Amino acid sequence: MRLKVTKSKNSDHFSIIKSVRVNGKSTSKVVENLGNLETVIQKANGEDPYIWAKERAK
């Protein structure tokens, strides 16, 4: 699993993605939506939000 960060001019959005194969084709599935940057900062409890999200994806 890996972390996907979608950046816009207003905020960043964090998702945990899993790569899978379906009928010989590669695709990805969203395992968990962590929310925008402000939400992840609250969940991280003082840690760096990017590092916290990467650890959660492991």
Protein backbone atom coordinates (compact mmCIF):
# COMPACT_ATOMS: atom_id res chain seq x y z
CA MET A 1 0.00 0.00 0.00
CA ARG A 2 1.09 3.54 -0.60
CA LEU A 3 0.16 7.08 0.22
CA LYS A 4 -1.35 9.33 -2.43
CA VAL A 5 -1.35 13.08 -1.82
CA THR A 6 -3.49 15.15 -4.16
CA LYS A 7 -2.48 18.79 -4.03
CA SER A 8 -4.65 21.76 -4.95
CA LYS A 9 -4.13 25.47 -4.47
CA ASN A 10 -6.20 25.40 -1.27
CA SER A 11 -5.31 22.14 0.48
CA ASP A 12 -3.79 18.66 0.20
CA HIS A 13 -5.88 15.48 0.31
CA PHE A 14 -4.46 12.20 1.66
CA SER A 15 -5.54 8.70 0.58
CA ILE A 16 -4.13 5.22 1.12
CA ILE A 17 -4.01 3.29 -2.18
CA LYS A 18 -3.52 -0.42 -2.88
CA SER A 19 -2.36 -1.66 -6.30
CA VAL A 20 -4.13 -4.81 -7.52
CA ARG A 21 -4.42 -6.88 -10.69
CA VAL A 22 -7.85 -7.66 -12.12
CA ASN A 23 -8.00 -9.99 -15.14
CA GLY A 24 -4.34 -9.29 -15.94
CA LYS A 25 -4.76 -5.51 -15.81
CA SER A 26 -3.20 -3.29 -13.16
CA THR A 27 -5.50 -0.97 -11.23
CA SER A 28 -5.64 0.69 -7.83
CA LYS A 29 -8.20 0.70 -5.04
CA VAL A 30 -8.69 3.32 -2.34
CA VAL A 31 -8.29 1.58 1.01
CA GLU A 32 -8.83 4.62 3.24
CA ASN A 33 -9.44 8.32 2.74
CA LEU A 34 -7.56 10.18 5.46
CA GLY A 35 -9.01 13.59 4.58
CA ASN A 36 -7.52 16.99 3.90
CA LEU A 37 -4.38 18.46 5.46
CA GLU A 38 -6.19 20.05 8.42
CA THR A 39 -7.88 16.75 9.33
CA VAL A 40 -4.61 14.81 9.12
CA ILE A 41 -2.84 17.39 11.32
CA GLN A 42 -5.49 16.83 14.01
CA LYS A 43 -5.17 13.03 13.73
CA ALA A 44 -1.35 13.16 13.85
CA ASN A 45 -1.29 14.75 17.34
CA GLY A 46 1.73 16.99 16.81
CA GLU A 47 3.67 14.74 14.42
CA ASP A 48 4.52 15.73 10.86
CA PRO A 49 1.32 14.89 8.93
CA TYR A 50 3.17 13.49 5.91
CA ILE A 51 5.29 11.12 8.03
CA TRP A 52 2.25 10.08 10.09
CA ALA A 53 0.25 9.27 6.95
CA LYS A 54 3.13 7.22 5.46
CA GLU A 55 3.40 5.19 8.66
CA ARG A 56 -0.36 4.61 8.62
CA ALA A 57 -0.14 3.33 5.04
CA LYS A 58 2.41 0.70 6.08
